């Protein structure tokens, strides 16, 4: 499966990569900036079943802990 990439027109950077950027040498700085601009999409499709179980549990539709047994 090929990874999809998001190209951000206005890249953002979180605190940890910013810290790494400040302390990095030239080539590492470039890699950090490229990662910020061209981020891989987050894989969420595999989490849809646990997500629905959690939603049902929180909403009170099914308040049994056993609904989580398949995901542990």
C-alpha atoms as a PDB file:
ATOM      1  CA  UNK A   1       0.000   0.000   0.000  1.00  0.00           C
ATOM      2  CA  UNK A   2       1.478   3.327  -1.055  1.00  0.00           C
ATOM      3  CA  UNK A   3       1.523   6.105   1.485  1.00  0.00           C
ATOM      4  CA  UNK A   4      -0.519   9.184   0.712  1.00  0.00           C
ATOM      5  CA  UNK A   5       1.114  12.513   1.399  1.00  0.00           C
ATOM      6  CA  UNK A   6      -0.486  15.774   2.419  1.00  0.00           C
ATOM      7  CA  UNK A   7       1.234  18.906   1.121  1.00  0.00           C
ATOM      8  CA  UNK A   8       0.665  21.751   3.548  1.00  0.00           C
ATOM      9  CA  UNK A   9       0.692  25.280   2.124  1.00  0.00           C
ATOM     10  CA  UNK A  10       1.262  26.651   5.620  1.00  0.00           C
ATOM     11  CA  UNK A  11       3.199  23.950   7.477  1.00  0.00           C
ATOM     12  CA  UNK A  12       2.919  23.708  11.233  1.00  0.00           C
ATOM     13  CA  UNK A  13       5.479  22.290  13.600  1.00  0.00           C
ATOM     14  CA  UNK A  14       4.953  21.016  17.131  1.00  0.00           C
ATOM     15  CA  UNK A  15       7.202  21.622  20.116  1.00  0.00           C
ATOM     16  CA  UNK A  16       9.275  18.433  19.894  1.00  0.00           C
ATOM     17  CA  UNK A  17      10.240  18.844  16.211  1.00  0.00           C
ATOM     18  CA  UNK A  18      10.883  22.540  16.881  1.00  0.00           C
ATOM     19  CA  UNK A  19      13.290  21.594  19.658  1.00  0.00           C
ATOM     20  CA  UNK A  20      14.999  19.109  17.356  1.00  0.00           C
ATOM     21  CA  UNK A  21      15.192  21.783  14.637  1.00  0.00           C
ATOM     22  CA  UNK A  22      16.859  24.288  16.961  1.00  0.00           C
ATOM     23  CA  UNK A  23      19.535  21.805  18.041  1.00  0.00           C
ATOM     24  CA  UNK A  24      20.058  20.077  14.664  1.00  0.00           C
ATOM     25  CA  UNK A  25      22.729  20.597  12.023  1.00  0.00           C
ATOM     26  CA  UNK A  26      21.911  21.756   8.473  1.00  0.00           C
ATOM     27  CA  UNK A  27      20.882  18.480   6.832  1.00  0.00           C
ATOM     28  CA  UNK A  28      18.694  17.418   9.752  1.00  0.00           C
ATOM     29  CA  UNK A  29      17.004  20.836   9.778  1.00  0.00           C
ATOM     30  CA  UNK A  30      16.028  20.349   6.154  1.00  0.00           C
ATOM     31  CA  UNK A  31      14.558  16.890   6.883  1.00  0.00           C
ATOM     32  CA  UNK A  32      12.502  18.276   9.786  1.00  0.00           C
ATOM     33  CA  UNK A  33      11.100  21.051   7.579  1.00  0.00           C
ATOM     34  CA  UNK A  34      10.310  18.633   4.746  1.00  0.00           C
ATOM     35  CA  UNK A  35       8.469  16.364   7.215  1.00  0.00           C
ATOM     36  CA  UNK A  36       6.431  19.338   8.430  1.00  0.00           C
ATOM     37  CA  UNK A  37       5.451  20.340   4.894  1.00  0.00           C
ATOM     38  CA  UNK A  38       4.918  16.866   3.383  1.00  0.00           C
ATOM     39  CA  UNK A  39       3.179  14.874   6.103  1.00  0.00           C
ATOM     40  CA  UNK A  40       1.894  11.343   5.598  1.00  0.00           C
ATOM     41  CA  UNK A  41      -1.817  10.870   6.063  1.00  0.00           C
ATOM     42  CA  UNK A  42      -2.855   9.287   9.327  1.00  0.00           C
ATOM     43  CA  UNK A  43      -4.181   5.743   9.020  1.00  0.00           C
ATOM     44  CA  UNK A  44      -7.510   5.653  10.858  1.00  0.00           C
ATOM     45  CA  UNK A  45      -9.507   3.103   8.881  1.00  0.00           C
ATOM     46  CA  UNK A  46      -8.367   0.198  11.031  1.00  0.00           C
ATOM     47  CA  UNK A  47      -9.753   1.858  14.164  1.00  0.00           C
ATOM     48  CA  UNK A  48     -13.386   2.211  13.082  1.00  0.00           C
ATOM     49  CA  UNK A  49     -14.703  -0.825  15.019  1.00  0.00           C
ATOM     50  CA  UNK A  50     -13.121   0.098  18.366  1.00  0.00           C
ATOM     51  CA  UNK A  51     -14.233   3.692  17.790  1.00  0.00           C
ATOM     52  CA  UNK A  52     -17.866   2.652  17.381  1.00  0.00           C
ATOM     53  CA  UNK A  53     -17.636   0.413  20.471  1.00  0.00           C
ATOM     54  CA  UNK A  54     -16.247   3.304  22.521  1.00  0.00           C
ATOM     55  CA  UNK A  55     -18.958   5.646  21.200  1.00  0.00           C
ATOM     56  CA  UNK A  56     -21.678   3.155  22.099  1.00  0.00           C
ATOM     57  CA  UNK A  57     -20.204   2.674  25.558  1.00  0.00           C
ATOM     58  CA  UNK A  58     -19.990   6.420  26.236  1.00  0.00           C
ATOM     59  CA  UNK A  59     -23.468   7.084  24.864  1.00  0.00           C
ATOM     60  CA  UNK A  60     -24.828   4.345  27.106  1.00  0.00           C
ATOM     61  CA  UNK A  61     -26.191   2.268  24.231  1.00  0.00           C
ATOM     62  CA  UNK A  62     -24.287  -0.771  25.442  1.00  0.00           C
ATOM     63  CA  UNK A  63     -22.714  -0.348  28.888  1.00  0.00           C
ATOM     64  CA  UNK A  64     -20.990  -3.720  29.088  1.00  0.00           C
ATOM     65  CA  UNK A  65     -17.219  -4.011  29.319  1.00  0.00           C
ATOM     66  CA  UNK A  66     -17.445  -7.135  27.185  1.00  0.00           C
ATOM     67  CA  UNK A  67     -17.873  -5.017  24.045  1.00  0.00           C
ATOM     68  CA  UNK A  68     -14.143  -4.255  24.285  1.00  0.00           C
ATOM     69  CA  UNK A  69     -13.049  -7.911  24.497  1.00  0.00           C
ATOM     70  CA  UNK A  70     -12.583  -8.180  20.724  1.00  0.00           C
ATOM     71  CA  UNK A  71     -10.136  -5.278  20.689  1.00  0.00           C
ATOM     72  CA  UNK A  72      -7.859  -6.227  23.591  1.00  0.00           C
END
